[in-house]
Amino acid sequence: MFDELEARLNRLTMERLANATAVINGVDVPVIFDALYELGTVGVGMGASAPQMVIANNRIPEDFAESRITVNGAAWIVADRQPDSDLPTGLSVVILEKA
């Protein structure tokens, strides 16, 4: 029962909150895209951003690590994936690097 609730919640989250489209292996995938701002990570008084996206685990291909994707037309390389679980009903935060 919990798996069904989690799947429903994650599906609704992506339907309602997706603010970008990623193209992964030629397939359009709804994602939540964010360029996280981090103050002071590169020097005194300086900041940096770590672009990331949230994606449904069942939309991630097996060969996803270090793959090249586009998000809203911009080219990115997948740097890291941080899944909330290994279940296909879960979500993953994907850290991106500019291609």
N, C-alpha and C. Protein backbone atom coordinates (compact mmCIF):
# COMPACT_ATOMS: atom_id res chain seq x y z
N MET A 1 0.82 -1.20 0.00
CA MET A 1 0.00 0.00 0.00
C MET A 1 0.87 1.26 0.00
N PHE A 2 1.94 1.27 0.79
CA PHE A 2 2.80 2.44 0.83
C PHE A 2 3.41 2.72 -0.54
N ASP A 3 3.84 1.65 -1.25
CA ASP A 3 4.42 1.83 -2.58
C ASP A 3 3.44 2.51 -3.53
N GLU A 4 2.17 2.14 -3.44
CA GLU A 4 1.15 2.74 -4.29
C GLU A 4 0.97 4.22 -3.96
N LEU A 5 0.97 4.55 -2.67
CA LEU A 5 0.83 5.96 -2.25
C LEU A 5 2.05 6.77 -2.69
N GLU A 6 3.24 6.19 -2.52
CA GLU A 6 4.45 6.89 -2.93
C GLU A 6 4.44 7.13 -4.44
N ALA A 7 4.06 6.13 -5.21
CA ALA A 7 4.01 6.28 -6.67
C ALA A 7 3.02 7.37 -7.07
N ARG A 8 1.86 7.39 -6.43
CA ARG A 8 0.85 8.40 -6.75
C ARG A 8 1.35 9.81 -6.38
N LEU A 9 1.93 9.95 -5.20
CA LEU A 9 2.44 11.25 -4.76
C LEU A 9 3.54 11.75 -5.69
N ASN A 10 4.48 10.88 -6.04
CA ASN A 10 5.57 11.30 -6.92
C ASN A 10 5.07 11.64 -8.32
N ARG A 11 4.10 10.87 -8.83
CA ARG A 11 3.53 11.17 -10.15
C ARG A 11 2.85 12.54 -10.14
N LEU A 12 2.06 12.80 -9.09
CA LEU A 12 1.38 14.10 -8.97
C LEU A 12 2.38 15.24 -8.78
N THR A 13 3.43 14.99 -8.03
CA THR A 13 4.47 16.00 -7.83
C THR A 13 5.09 16.40 -9.16
N MET A 14 5.46 15.42 -9.97
CA MET A 14 6.07 15.72 -11.25
C MET A 14 5.08 16.39 -12.20
N GLU A 15 3.82 15.97 -12.18
CA GLU A 15 2.80 16.59 -13.05
C GLU A 15 2.59 18.06 -12.68
N ARG A 16 2.56 18.37 -11.39
CA ARG A 16 2.22 19.71 -10.93
C ARG A 16 3.42 20.66 -10.83
N LEU A 17 4.59 20.12 -10.47
CA LEU A 17 5.74 20.97 -10.19
C LEU A 17 6.81 21.00 -11.26
N ALA A 18 6.73 20.12 -12.25
CA ALA A 18 7.74 20.13 -13.31
C ALA A 18 7.77 21.50 -13.97
N ASN A 19 8.97 22.07 -14.04
CA ASN A 19 9.11 23.40 -14.63
C ASN A 19 10.05 23.39 -15.83
N ALA A 20 10.44 22.18 -16.25
CA ALA A 20 11.38 22.06 -17.36
C ALA A 20 11.18 20.71 -18.04
N THR A 21 11.73 20.62 -19.24
CA THR A 21 11.72 19.36 -19.98
C THR A 21 13.15 18.97 -20.29
N ALA A 22 13.52 17.77 -19.85
CA ALA A 22 14.84 17.23 -20.19
C ALA A 22 14.67 16.28 -21.37
N VAL A 23 15.64 16.30 -22.26
CA VAL A 23 15.65 15.35 -23.36
C VAL A 23 16.75 14.34 -23.03
N ILE A 24 16.32 13.10 -22.77
CA ILE A 24 17.24 12.03 -22.37
C ILE A 24 17.10 10.91 -23.39
N ASN A 25 18.17 10.65 -24.11
CA ASN A 25 18.15 9.63 -25.18
C ASN A 25 17.01 9.87 -26.16
N GLY A 26 16.76 11.14 -26.48
CA GLY A 26 15.74 11.49 -27.46
C GLY A 26 14.32 11.52 -26.94
N VAL A 27 14.13 11.31 -25.63
CA VAL A 27 12.79 11.27 -25.04
C VAL A 27 12.58 12.49 -24.15
N ASP A 28 11.47 13.20 -24.32
CA ASP A 28 11.12 14.33 -23.45
C ASP A 28 10.66 13.82 -22.10
N VAL A 29 11.28 14.34 -21.02
CA VAL A 29 10.96 13.90 -19.66
C VAL A 29 10.72 15.14 -18.81
N PRO A 30 9.57 15.21 -18.11
CA PRO A 30 9.33 16.35 -17.23
C PRO A 30 10.23 16.27 -16.00
N VAL A 31 10.84 17.41 -15.64
CA VAL A 31 11.74 17.47 -14.48
C VAL A 31 11.49 18.77 -13.71
N ILE A 32 11.99 18.80 -12.50
CA ILE A 32 12.01 20.02 -11.71
C ILE A 32 13.46 20.50 -11.75
N PHE A 33 13.71 21.62 -12.42
CA PHE A 33 15.07 22.13 -12.62
C PHE A 33 15.34 23.27 -11.65
N ASP A 34 16.56 23.28 -11.09
CA ASP A 34 16.94 24.31 -10.13
C ASP A 34 18.44 24.54 -10.23
N ALA A 35 18.83 25.78 -10.26
CA ALA A 35 20.25 26.13 -10.20
C ALA A 35 20.51 26.63 -8.79
N LEU A 36 20.89 25.72 -7.92
CA LEU A 36 21.12 26.01 -6.50
C LEU A 36 22.27 26.99 -6.35
N TYR A 37 22.06 28.07 -5.58
CA TYR A 37 23.11 29.05 -5.32
C TYR A 37 23.74 28.75 -3.98
N GLU A 38 25.06 28.64 -3.97
CA GLU A 38 25.80 28.36 -2.74
C GLU A 38 26.76 29.50 -2.48
N LEU A 39 26.56 30.22 -1.40
CA LEU A 39 27.40 31.36 -1.04
C LEU A 39 28.72 30.88 -0.45
N GLY A 40 29.81 31.46 -0.93
CA GLY A 40 31.11 31.23 -0.32
C GLY A 40 31.75 29.88 -0.58
N THR A 41 31.38 29.20 -1.63
CA THR A 41 31.99 27.88 -1.86
C THR A 41 33.25 27.96 -2.72
N VAL A 42 33.47 29.08 -3.37
CA VAL A 42 34.65 29.18 -4.23
C VAL A 42 35.64 30.25 -3.76
N GLY A 43 35.33 30.95 -2.73
CA GLY A 43 36.23 31.97 -2.21
C GLY A 43 35.47 32.97 -1.36
N VAL A 44 36.20 33.85 -0.70
CA VAL A 44 35.58 34.84 0.18
C VAL A 44 34.70 35.78 -0.64
N GLY A 45 33.44 35.89 -0.24
CA GLY A 45 32.52 36.79 -0.91
C GLY A 45 32.04 36.31 -2.26
N MET A 46 32.34 35.08 -2.59
CA MET A 46 31.94 34.55 -3.89
C MET A 46 30.96 33.41 -3.70
N GLY A 47 30.24 33.11 -4.72
CA GLY A 47 29.30 32.01 -4.67
C GLY A 47 29.39 31.15 -5.92
N ALA A 48 28.65 30.09 -5.92
CA ALA A 48 28.63 29.20 -7.07
C ALA A 48 27.25 28.57 -7.17
N SER A 49 26.95 28.05 -8.33
CA SER A 49 25.68 27.34 -8.46
C SER A 49 25.96 25.89 -8.85
N ALA A 50 25.13 25.02 -8.34
CA ALA A 50 25.21 23.61 -8.70
C ALA A 50 23.88 23.25 -9.33
N PRO A 51 23.77 23.39 -10.63
CA PRO A 51 22.50 23.09 -11.29
C PRO A 51 22.08 21.65 -11.02
N GLN A 52 20.80 21.47 -10.78
CA GLN A 52 20.29 20.14 -10.48
C GLN A 52 18.87 20.01 -10.98
N MET A 53 18.43 18.76 -11.08
CA MET A 53 17.04 18.50 -11.46
C MET A 53 16.54 17.32 -10.65
N VAL A 54 15.24 17.29 -10.46
CA VAL A 54 14.58 16.16 -9.82
C VAL A 54 13.84 15.42 -10.92
N ILE A 55 13.99 14.10 -10.92
CA ILE A 55 13.41 13.27 -11.96
C ILE A 55 12.89 11.98 -11.34
N ALA A 56 11.85 11.43 -11.91
CA ALA A 56 11.31 10.16 -11.44
C ALA A 56 12.29 9.04 -11.76
N ASN A 57 12.52 8.15 -10.80
CA ASN A 57 13.47 7.04 -10.99
C ASN A 57 13.12 6.19 -12.20
N ASN A 58 11.83 6.01 -12.47
CA ASN A 58 11.45 5.15 -13.60
C ASN A 58 11.68 5.81 -14.95
N ARG A 59 12.14 7.06 -14.97
CA ARG A 59 12.44 7.76 -16.24
C ARG A 59 13.94 7.82 -16.50
N ILE A 60 14.74 7.21 -15.61
CA ILE A 60 16.20 7.27 -15.73
C ILE A 60 16.71 6.00 -16.43
N PRO A 61 17.43 6.16 -17.55
CA PRO A 61 17.97 4.99 -18.23
C PRO A 61 19.15 4.40 -17.46
N GLU A 62 19.48 3.15 -17.74
CA GLU A 62 20.58 2.48 -17.05
C GLU A 62 21.93 3.16 -17.29
N ASP A 63 22.15 3.69 -18.48
CA ASP A 63 23.43 4.31 -18.83
C ASP A 63 23.42 5.82 -18.57
N PHE A 64 22.82 6.25 -17.48
CA PHE A 64 22.59 7.66 -17.21
C PHE A 64 23.84 8.40 -16.72
N ALA A 65 24.72 7.74 -15.98
CA ALA A 65 25.91 8.39 -15.43
C ALA A 65 26.76 8.99 -16.56
N GLU A 66 27.13 10.25 -16.39
CA GLU A 66 27.97 10.99 -17.32
C GLU A 66 27.37 11.14 -18.71
N SER A 67 26.07 10.92 -18.85
CA SER A 67 25.45 11.09 -20.16
C SER A 67 25.20 12.58 -20.44
N ARG A 68 25.04 12.87 -21.70
CA ARG A 68 24.75 14.25 -22.13
C ARG A 68 23.26 14.36 -22.35
N ILE A 69 22.67 15.39 -21.73
CA ILE A 69 21.24 15.63 -21.86
C ILE A 69 21.03 17.11 -22.15
N THR A 70 19.81 17.47 -22.50
CA THR A 70 19.46 18.89 -22.57
C THR A 70 18.30 19.14 -21.63
N VAL A 71 18.29 20.32 -21.04
CA VAL A 71 17.18 20.77 -20.20
C VAL A 71 16.77 22.13 -20.72
N ASN A 72 15.54 22.21 -21.21
CA ASN A 72 15.03 23.44 -21.82
C ASN A 72 15.99 23.99 -22.87
N GLY A 73 16.60 23.08 -23.64
CA GLY A 73 17.46 23.48 -24.74
C GLY A 73 18.92 23.67 -24.39
N ALA A 74 19.29 23.71 -23.11
CA ALA A 74 20.68 23.88 -22.71
C ALA A 74 21.33 22.51 -22.51
N ALA A 75 22.59 22.40 -22.94
CA ALA A 75 23.30 21.12 -22.86
C ALA A 75 23.96 20.94 -21.49
N TRP A 76 23.81 19.73 -20.93
CA TRP A 76 24.36 19.39 -19.61
C TRP A 76 24.96 18.00 -19.64
N ILE A 77 25.85 17.75 -18.67
CA ILE A 77 26.40 16.42 -18.43
C ILE A 77 25.96 15.99 -17.04
N VAL A 78 25.50 14.75 -16.91
CA VAL A 78 25.08 14.24 -15.61
C VAL A 78 26.33 13.98 -14.78
N ALA A 79 26.46 14.71 -13.66
CA ALA A 79 27.63 14.57 -12.79
C ALA A 79 27.39 13.58 -11.66
N ASP A 80 26.17 13.54 -11.13
CA ASP A 80 25.88 12.67 -9.99
C ASP A 80 24.39 12.45 -9.91
N ARG A 81 24.01 11.31 -9.36
CA ARG A 81 22.60 11.00 -9.13
C ARG A 81 22.43 10.60 -7.68
N GLN A 82 21.46 11.21 -7.00
CA GLN A 82 21.20 10.94 -5.59
C GLN A 82 19.74 10.49 -5.44
N PRO A 83 19.50 9.17 -5.57
CA PRO A 83 18.12 8.67 -5.48
C PRO A 83 17.62 8.67 -4.04
N ASP A 84 16.31 8.86 -3.87
CA ASP A 84 15.74 8.74 -2.53
C ASP A 84 15.51 7.28 -2.17
N SER A 85 15.55 6.41 -3.17
CA SER A 85 15.44 4.96 -2.97
C SER A 85 15.81 4.28 -4.28
N ASP A 86 15.90 2.96 -4.25
CA ASP A 86 16.15 2.21 -5.48
C ASP A 86 14.85 1.75 -6.12
N LEU A 87 13.73 2.16 -5.55
CA LEU A 87 12.44 1.76 -6.09
C LEU A 87 12.11 2.59 -7.34
N PRO A 88 11.45 2.00 -8.31
CA PRO A 88 11.07 2.77 -9.50
C PRO A 88 10.05 3.86 -9.19
N THR A 89 9.41 3.80 -8.02
CA THR A 89 8.42 4.81 -7.65
C THR A 89 9.05 6.05 -7.03
N GLY A 90 10.35 6.02 -6.76
CA GLY A 90 11.02 7.13 -6.10
C GLY A 90 11.43 8.25 -7.04
N LEU A 91 12.10 9.22 -6.45
CA LEU A 91 12.63 10.38 -7.19
C LEU A 91 14.14 10.46 -6.98
N SER A 92 14.84 11.09 -7.90
CA SER A 92 16.28 11.29 -7.78
C SER A 92 16.62 12.75 -8.00
N VAL A 93 17.57 13.24 -7.24
CA VAL A 93 18.19 14.54 -7.50
C VAL A 93 19.40 14.25 -8.38
N VAL A 94 19.48 14.96 -9.49
CA VAL A 94 20.59 14.77 -10.44
C VAL A 94 21.37 16.06 -10.51
N ILE A 95 22.66 15.97 -10.18
CA ILE A 95 23.56 17.13 -10.24
C ILE A 95 24.11 17.22 -11.67
N LEU A 96 24.08 18.42 -12.21
CA LEU A 96 24.46 18.64 -13.60
C LEU A 96 25.68 19.53 -13.72
N GLU A 97 26.45 19.32 -14.77
CA GLU A 97 27.56 20.20 -15.13
C GLU A 97 27.31 20.71 -16.53
N LYS A 98 27.71 21.94 -16.79
CA LYS A 98 27.55 22.53 -18.12
C LYS A 98 28.36 21.74 -19.13
N ALA A 99 27.74 21.39 -20.24
CA ALA A 99 28.45 20.61 -21.28
C ALA A 99 29.31 21.53 -22.13
